[in-house]
C-alpha atoms as a PDB file:
ATOM      1  CA  MET A   1       2.216  14.993   9.677  1.00  0.00           C
ATOM      2  CA  ALA A   2       4.698  17.767  10.481  1.00  0.00           C
ATOM      3  CA  GLN A   3       3.358  20.442  12.796  1.00  0.00           C
ATOM      4  CA  ALA A   4       5.101  23.465  14.205  1.00  0.00           C
ATOM      5  CA  VAL A   5       4.600  26.784  15.945  1.00  0.00           C
ATOM      6  CA  ILE A   6       6.862  29.595  14.762  1.00  0.00           C
ATOM      7  CA  ILE A   7       7.249  32.700  16.881  1.00  0.00           C
ATOM      8  CA  SER A   8       8.678  35.905  15.498  1.00  0.00           C
ATOM      9  CA  HIS A   9       8.408  38.852  17.853  1.00  0.00           C
ATOM     10  CA  PRO A  10      10.791  41.807  18.302  1.00  0.00           C
ATOM     11  CA  SER A  11      10.465  41.634  22.099  1.00  0.00           C
ATOM     12  CA  GLU A  12      12.837  38.971  23.394  1.00  0.00           C
ATOM     13  CA  ILE A  13      10.872  38.736  26.643  1.00  0.00           C
ATOM     14  CA  ILE A  14       7.587  38.079  24.843  1.00  0.00           C
ATOM     15  CA  GLN A  15       9.219  35.631  22.433  1.00  0.00           C
ATOM     16  CA  LYS A  16      10.943  33.625  25.192  1.00  0.00           C
ATOM     17  CA  GLY A  17       7.802  33.678  27.327  1.00  0.00           C
ATOM     18  CA  LEU A  18       5.681  32.313  24.474  1.00  0.00           C
ATOM     19  CA  ILE A  19       8.253  29.617  23.745  1.00  0.00           C
ATOM     20  CA  ALA A  20       8.370  28.539  27.415  1.00  0.00           C
ATOM     21  CA  ILE A  21       4.566  28.371  27.652  1.00  0.00           C
ATOM     22  CA  LEU A  22       4.049  26.513  24.381  1.00  0.00           C
ATOM     23  CA  GLU A  23       6.874  24.008  24.839  1.00  0.00           C
ATOM     24  CA  LYS A  24       5.281  23.056  28.152  1.00  0.00           C
ATOM     25  CA  GLU A  25       1.731  22.850  26.766  1.00  0.00           C
ATOM     26  CA  LEU A  26       2.125  21.467  23.213  1.00  0.00           C
ATOM     27  CA  PHE A  27       3.691  18.377  21.714  1.00  0.00           C
ATOM     28  CA  VAL A  28       4.918  20.058  18.529  1.00  0.00           C
ATOM     29  CA  SER A  29       8.060  21.885  17.460  1.00  0.00           C
ATOM     30  CA  VAL A  30       8.213  25.467  18.747  1.00  0.00           C
ATOM     31  CA  ILE A  31      10.635  27.510  16.661  1.00  0.00           C
ATOM     32  CA  SER A  32      12.002  30.978  17.323  1.00  0.00           C
ATOM     33  CA  CYS A  33      12.455  33.038  14.191  1.00  0.00           C
ATOM     34  CA  THR A  34      14.214  36.362  13.752  1.00  0.00           C
ATOM     35  CA  ASN A  35      12.135  37.852  10.946  1.00  0.00           C
ATOM     36  CA  CYS A  36       9.115  37.317   8.712  1.00  0.00           C
ATOM     37  CA  SER A  37      11.091  36.596   5.543  1.00  0.00           C
ATOM     38  CA  GLU A  38      12.896  33.742   7.320  1.00  0.00           C
ATOM     39  CA  ILE A  39       9.516  32.126   8.005  1.00  0.00           C
ATOM     40  CA  GLU A  40       8.655  32.262   4.327  1.00  0.00           C
ATOM     41  CA  SER A  41      12.006  31.000   3.062  1.00  0.00           C
ATOM     42  CA  LYS A  42      12.582  28.210   5.605  1.00  0.00           C
ATOM     43  CA  TYR A  43       9.391  26.892   7.128  1.00  0.00           C
ATOM     44  CA  LEU A  44       6.211  27.353   5.101  1.00  0.00           C
ATOM     45  CA  THR A  45       6.796  24.419   2.777  1.00  0.00           C
ATOM     46  CA  ILE A  46       8.354  22.098   5.380  1.00  0.00           C
ATOM     47  CA  TYR A  47       5.412  21.870   7.791  1.00  0.00           C
ATOM     48  CA  SER A  48       1.946  20.725   6.760  1.00  0.00           C
ATOM     49  CA  ASP A  49       0.261  22.398   9.755  1.00  0.00           C
ATOM     50  CA  LEU A  50       1.800  25.659  10.866  1.00  0.00           C
ATOM     51  CA  VAL A  51       0.968  28.260  13.510  1.00  0.00           C
ATOM     52  CA  VAL A  52       2.774  31.570  13.058  1.00  0.00           C
ATOM     53  CA  ILE A  53       2.782  34.052  15.953  1.00  0.00           C
ATOM     54  CA  LEU A  54       3.644  37.646  15.045  1.00  0.00           C
ATOM     55  CA  PRO A  55       3.241  41.093  16.588  1.00  0.00           C
ATOM     56  CA  ALA A  56      -0.332  42.353  16.075  1.00  0.00           C
ATOM     57  CA  GLU A  57       1.005  45.506  14.444  1.00  0.00           C
ATOM     58  CA  THR A  58       2.366  43.476  11.509  1.00  0.00           C
ATOM     59  CA  SER A  59       0.334  44.816   8.637  1.00  0.00           C
ATOM     60  CA  ASP A  60       2.041  43.653   5.450  1.00  0.00           C
ATOM     61  CA  HIS A  61      -0.969  42.300   3.559  1.00  0.00           C
ATOM     62  CA  ASN A  62       1.234  40.868   0.776  1.00  0.00           C
ATOM     63  CA  LEU A  63       3.276  38.938   3.333  1.00  0.00           C
ATOM     64  CA  PHE A  64       0.142  37.269   4.717  1.00  0.00           C
ATOM     65  CA  VAL A  65      -1.151  36.460   1.238  1.00  0.00           C
ATOM     66  CA  SER A  66       2.201  34.877   0.426  1.00  0.00           C
ATOM     67  CA  TYR A  67       2.175  32.863   3.664  1.00  0.00           C
ATOM     68  CA  ARG A  68      -1.325  31.560   3.015  1.00  0.00           C
ATOM     69  CA  SER A  69      -0.541  30.619  -0.590  1.00  0.00           C
ATOM     70  CA  LYS A  70       2.553  28.604   0.367  1.00  0.00           C
ATOM     71  CA  ALA A  71       1.399  26.838   3.532  1.00  0.00           C
ATOM     72  CA  ARG A  72      -0.895  23.830   3.419  1.00  0.00           C
ATOM     73  CA  ARG A  73      -2.681  24.775   6.681  1.00  0.00           C
ATOM     74  CA  LEU A  74      -1.852  28.008   8.447  1.00  0.00           C
ATOM     75  CA  PHE A  75      -3.091  29.677  11.637  1.00  0.00           C
ATOM     76  CA  LEU A  76      -1.887  33.251  12.154  1.00  0.00           C
ATOM     77  CA  VAL A  77      -1.814  34.709  15.667  1.00  0.00           C
ATOM     78  CA  GLY A  78      -1.293  38.393  16.422  1.00  0.00           C
ATOM     79  CA  VAL A  79       0.183  39.308  19.823  1.00  0.00           C
ATOM     80  CA  GLU A  80      -0.873  42.664  21.221  1.00  0.00           C
ATOM     81  CA  ASN A  81       1.354  44.299  23.807  1.00  0.00           C
ATOM     82  CA  SER A  82      -1.551  45.555  25.912  1.00  0.00           C
ATOM     83  CA  LYS A  83      -5.307  45.198  26.294  1.00  0.00           C
ATOM     84  CA  SER A  84      -5.761  48.766  25.042  1.00  0.00           C
ATOM     85  CA  GLU A  85      -4.365  48.028  21.581  1.00  0.00           C
ATOM     86  CA  LYS A  86      -7.226  47.784  19.142  1.00  0.00           C
ATOM     87  CA  GLN A  87      -5.425  46.668  16.017  1.00  0.00           C
ATOM     88  CA  LYS A  88      -7.779  43.795  15.304  1.00  0.00           C
ATOM     89  CA  GLN A  89      -6.716  43.321  11.739  1.00  0.00           C
ATOM     90  CA  GLN A  90      -8.564  40.779   9.681  1.00  0.00           C
ATOM     91  CA  LEU A  91      -5.232  39.315   8.611  1.00  0.00           C
ATOM     92  CA  PHE A  92      -4.928  37.208  11.775  1.00  0.00           C
ATOM     93  CA  ASP A  93      -6.958  34.145  12.739  1.00  0.00           C
ATOM     94  CA  LEU A  94      -6.559  34.945  16.442  1.00  0.00           C
ATOM     95  CA  HIS A  95      -5.571  37.988  18.479  1.00  0.00           C
ATOM     96  CA  ILE A  96      -4.108  37.593  21.956  1.00  0.00           C
ATOM     97  CA  SER A  97      -2.834  40.078  24.470  1.00  0.00           C
ATOM     98  CA  VAL A  98       0.247  39.653  26.632  1.00  0.00           C
ATOM     99  CA  ASN A  99      -2.226  39.914  29.529  1.00  0.00           C
ATOM    100  CA  ASP A 100      -4.298  36.897  28.390  1.00  0.00           C
ATOM    101  CA  SER A 101      -4.144  33.508  30.063  1.00  0.00           C
ATOM    102  CA  PRO A 102      -1.566  31.111  28.580  1.00  0.00           C
ATOM    103  CA  ASP A 103      -4.385  28.555  28.298  1.00  0.00           C
ATOM    104  CA  LEU A 104      -6.199  30.713  25.745  1.00  0.00           C
ATOM    105  CA  LEU A 105      -3.343  30.478  23.266  1.00  0.00           C
ATOM    106  CA  SER A 106      -2.479  26.820  23.862  1.00  0.00           C
ATOM    107  CA  ASN A 107      -6.152  25.766  23.638  1.00  0.00           C
ATOM    108  CA  GLN A 108      -6.638  27.610  20.345  1.00  0.00           C
ATOM    109  CA  ILE A 109      -3.464  26.105  18.870  1.00  0.00           C
ATOM    110  CA  ASN A 110      -4.436  22.614  20.021  1.00  0.00           C
ATOM    111  CA  ARG A 111      -7.879  23.087  18.482  1.00  0.00           C
ATOM    112  CA  PHE A 112      -6.264  24.115  15.167  1.00  0.00           C
ATOM    113  CA  PHE A 113      -3.917  21.107  15.128  1.00  0.00           C
ATOM    114  CA  ASN A 114      -6.633  18.633  16.165  1.00  0.00           C
ATOM    115  CA  VAL A 115      -9.262  19.653  13.594  1.00  0.00           C
ATOM    116  CA  GLU A 116      -7.635  17.585  10.896  1.00  0.00           C
ATOM    117  CA  ASN A 117      -6.161  14.930  13.150  1.00  0.00           C
ATOM    118  CA  GLN A 118      -9.264  13.728  14.990  1.00  0.00           C
ATOM    119  CA  THR A 119      -9.957  10.774  12.688  1.00  0.00           C
ATOM    120  CA  LYS A 120      -8.113  10.590   9.423  1.00  0.00           C
ATOM    121  CA  GLU A 121      -9.190   7.624   7.352  1.00  0.00           C
ATOM    122  CA  GLU A 122      -5.732   6.999   5.936  1.00  0.00           C
ATOM    123  CA  ASP A 123      -4.422   6.686   9.496  1.00  0.00           C
ATOM    124  CA  GLU A 124      -6.973   4.051  10.475  1.00  0.00           C
ATOM    125  CA  LEU A 125      -5.973   0.418  10.289  1.00  0.00           C
ATOM    126  CA  THR A 126      -7.634  -1.767   7.670  1.00  0.00           C
ATOM    127  CA  VAL A 127      -9.422  -4.965   8.675  1.00  0.00           C
ATOM    128  CA  ARG A 128      -6.422  -7.028   7.498  1.00  0.00           C
ATOM    129  CA  GLU A 129      -3.980  -4.824   9.424  1.00  0.00           C
ATOM    130  CA  LYS A 130      -6.084  -5.311  12.563  1.00  0.00           C
ATOM    131  CA  GLU A 131      -5.979  -9.094  12.030  1.00  0.00           C
ATOM    132  CA  ILE A 132      -2.195  -8.962  11.711  1.00  0.00           C
ATOM    133  CA  LEU A 133      -1.864  -6.644  14.699  1.00  0.00           C
ATOM    134  CA  ARG A 134      -3.932  -9.077  16.774  1.00  0.00           C
ATOM    135  CA  LEU A 135      -1.611 -11.933  15.843  1.00  0.00           C
ATOM    136  CA  ILE A 136       1.518  -9.841  16.477  1.00  0.00           C
ATOM    137  CA  ALA A 137       0.183  -8.925  19.925  1.00  0.00           C
ATOM    138  CA  LEU A 138      -0.441 -12.603  20.629  1.00  0.00           C
ATOM    139  CA  GLY A 139       3.214 -13.367  19.913  1.00  0.00           C
ATOM    140  CA  HIS A 140       3.004 -14.851  16.413  1.00  0.00           C
ATOM    141  CA  THR A 141       6.005 -14.663  14.088  1.00  0.00           C
ATOM    142  CA  ASN A 142       5.785 -13.348  10.536  1.00  0.00           C
ATOM    143  CA  LYS A 143       5.856 -16.917   9.240  1.00  0.00           C
ATOM    144  CA  SER A 144       3.066 -18.151  11.531  1.00  0.00           C
ATOM    145  CA  ILE A 145       0.931 -15.101  10.642  1.00  0.00           C
ATOM    146  CA  ALA A 146       1.465 -15.816   6.938  1.00  0.00           C
ATOM    147  CA  ASN A 147       0.455 -19.462   7.429  1.00  0.00           C
ATOM    148  CA  GLU A 148      -2.623 -18.627   9.481  1.00  0.00           C
ATOM    149  CA  LEU A 149      -3.882 -15.955   7.048  1.00  0.00           C
ATOM    150  CA  PHE A 150      -2.800 -17.768   3.854  1.00  0.00           C
ATOM    151  CA  ILE A 151      -0.602 -14.904   2.654  1.00  0.00           C
ATOM    152  CA  SER A 152       3.105 -14.611   1.940  1.00  0.00           C
ATOM    153  CA  THR A 153       5.642 -13.620   4.584  1.00  0.00           C
ATOM    154  CA  HIS A 154       6.520 -10.610   2.425  1.00  0.00           C
ATOM    155  CA  THR A 155       2.879  -9.441   2.600  1.00  0.00           C
ATOM    156  CA  VAL A 156       2.934  -9.788   6.395  1.00  0.00           C
ATOM    157  CA  ILE A 157       6.103  -7.673   6.541  1.00  0.00           C
ATOM    158  CA  SER A 158       4.457  -5.013   4.340  1.00  0.00           C
ATOM    159  CA  HIS A 159       1.391  -4.924   6.587  1.00  0.00           C
ATOM    160  CA  ARG A 160       3.602  -4.664   9.692  1.00  0.00           C
ATOM    161  CA  LYS A 161       5.428  -1.708   8.155  1.00  0.00           C
ATOM    162  CA  ASN A 162       2.102   0.000   7.335  1.00  0.00           C
ATOM    163  CA  ILE A 163       0.865  -0.613  10.883  1.00  0.00           C
ATOM    164  CA  THR A 164       3.978   0.872  12.500  1.00  0.00           C
ATOM    165  CA  ASP A 165       3.939   3.832  10.082  1.00  0.00           C
ATOM    166  CA  LYS A 166       0.275   4.606  10.779  1.00  0.00           C
ATOM    167  CA  LEU A 167       0.515   4.202  14.539  1.00  0.00           C
ATOM    168  CA  GLY A 168       4.042   5.472  15.065  1.00  0.00           C
ATOM    169  CA  ILE A 169       4.632   2.473  17.351  1.00  0.00           C
ATOM    170  CA  LYS A 170       7.633   0.293  16.532  1.00  0.00           C
ATOM    171  CA  SER A 171       7.881  -2.160  19.460  1.00  0.00           C
ATOM    172  CA  ILE A 172       5.827  -5.323  19.951  1.00  0.00           C
ATOM    173  CA  PRO A 173       4.957  -4.384  23.571  1.00  0.00           C
ATOM    174  CA  GLY A 174       3.784  -0.977  22.324  1.00  0.00           C
ATOM    175  CA  LEU A 175       1.669  -2.591  19.601  1.00  0.00           C
ATOM    176  CA  THR A 176       0.250  -4.996  22.194  1.00  0.00           C
ATOM    177  CA  VAL A 177      -0.796  -2.135  24.478  1.00  0.00           C
ATOM    178  CA  TYR A 178      -2.369  -0.346  21.498  1.00  0.00           C
ATOM    179  CA  ALA A 179      -4.258  -3.542  20.545  1.00  0.00           C
ATOM    180  CA  ILE A 180      -5.619  -3.845  24.111  1.00  0.00           C
ATOM    181  CA  ILE A 181      -6.651  -0.180  24.275  1.00  0.00           C
ATOM    182  CA  GLN A 182      -8.385  -0.413  20.885  1.00  0.00           C
ATOM    183  CA  LYS A 183     -10.066  -3.688  21.949  1.00  0.00           C
ATOM    184  CA  ILE A 184      -8.448  -5.638  19.113  1.00  0.00           C
ATOM    185  CA  ILE A 185      -7.434  -8.140  21.789  1.00  0.00           C
ATOM    186  CA  SER A 186      -8.388  -8.467  25.441  1.00  0.00           C
ATOM    187  CA  GLN A 187      -6.084  -8.969  28.371  1.00  0.00           C
ATOM    188  CA  THR A 188      -7.453 -12.488  28.769  1.00  0.00           C
ATOM    189  CA  ASP A 189      -6.191 -13.248  25.232  1.00  0.00           C
ATOM    190  CA  LEU A 190      -2.712 -12.656  26.604  1.00  0.00           C
ATOM    191  CA  ALA A 191      -2.978 -15.470  29.157  1.00  0.00           C
ATOM    192  CA  LYS A 192       0.055 -17.776  28.895  1.00  0.00           C
ATOM    193  CA  ASP A 193      -2.042 -20.609  27.422  1.00  0.00           C
ATOM    194  CA  ASN A 194      -3.092 -18.454  24.452  1.00  0.00           C
ATOM    195  CA  LEU A 195       0.337 -17.096  23.490  1.00  0.00           C
ATOM    196  CA  MET A 196       2.466 -18.678  20.784  1.00  0.00           C
END
């Protein structure tokens, strides 16, 4: 799932400060953008989850309607230059001040990104994928997995691809660590006597 934070602010100091804070706090792309139309033309359809940070005084209602119609999931943040600004427009999902704690913004963005990502069913391994992962972690080859589970080698390869796609883990040691953490295997299963 592609996630990004796009910052478009006329103040270079504010823009660079936000980028520095968010790159340190978040594990998503943080993109600097020169104007609002660039956001619409380049980024809204690329990212499935998108946070857009704009000056709080941005008041183009049609622009926001267009953003929301094109983006799959969108979180709009308005940055106010001082605490005294009271431009709490209903167009934004969150208003922050340059005087606010950096944690406020990063926590809200993390909350937005994690709402959908907490437990997605399509990202969970099936029972068969867990069986195959267990055997991979125990050192079995594709052929020995196929023989043990009475399936073709091609099916094992397909399941392995699905497992690595869902988990984002490509190496056998990485898959083994994941299997231990998820209690698919135990560390005692990895004793030399039990390995292939």
